[in-house]
């Protein structure tokens, strides 16, 4: 028993008591790494938000054109689920997925529409916290689902 424990209460076996050397460091280190990764992804998404299609078909150009007025870093899951149109969600999914594939993983060009649609649906599924940004939601989705990688 340590001096910090009240009389009669014992620390469970195998669990070190708090306050020792290095207490709390793994959690802080993990939080710092997660913050750095999220900032990097937001930066990549912001760079990719000026995405333009090189397709010659006017219908292809229009479906990839984003009309949503907010930046993706300011767009919440509530916006994604309740305010954005399906065309705006598709354009955002195309933009974010293309940016992640091309800038993070060395891909080139647009992924197939079926993968963009799957990414948009996946984003809707991971948007369980209304105040979470879609950059956070899509980062989590992209980083945990290898099928979206080139």
Foldseek 3Di string as FASTA:
>chain_A
DDPPDDPPDDDPPPDDDPDDPCHPVVVVVVVVVVVVVLVVLLVLLVVLPVDAAPDPDPVVRQLLDAPDPDRLQQAFLCCLVPPDDPSNLLNSLQSSLQSCQCVVVNDDDTDDSVLSVVLSVQLNVQRPDRGHGSSVSSVVVPVVDVVSHD
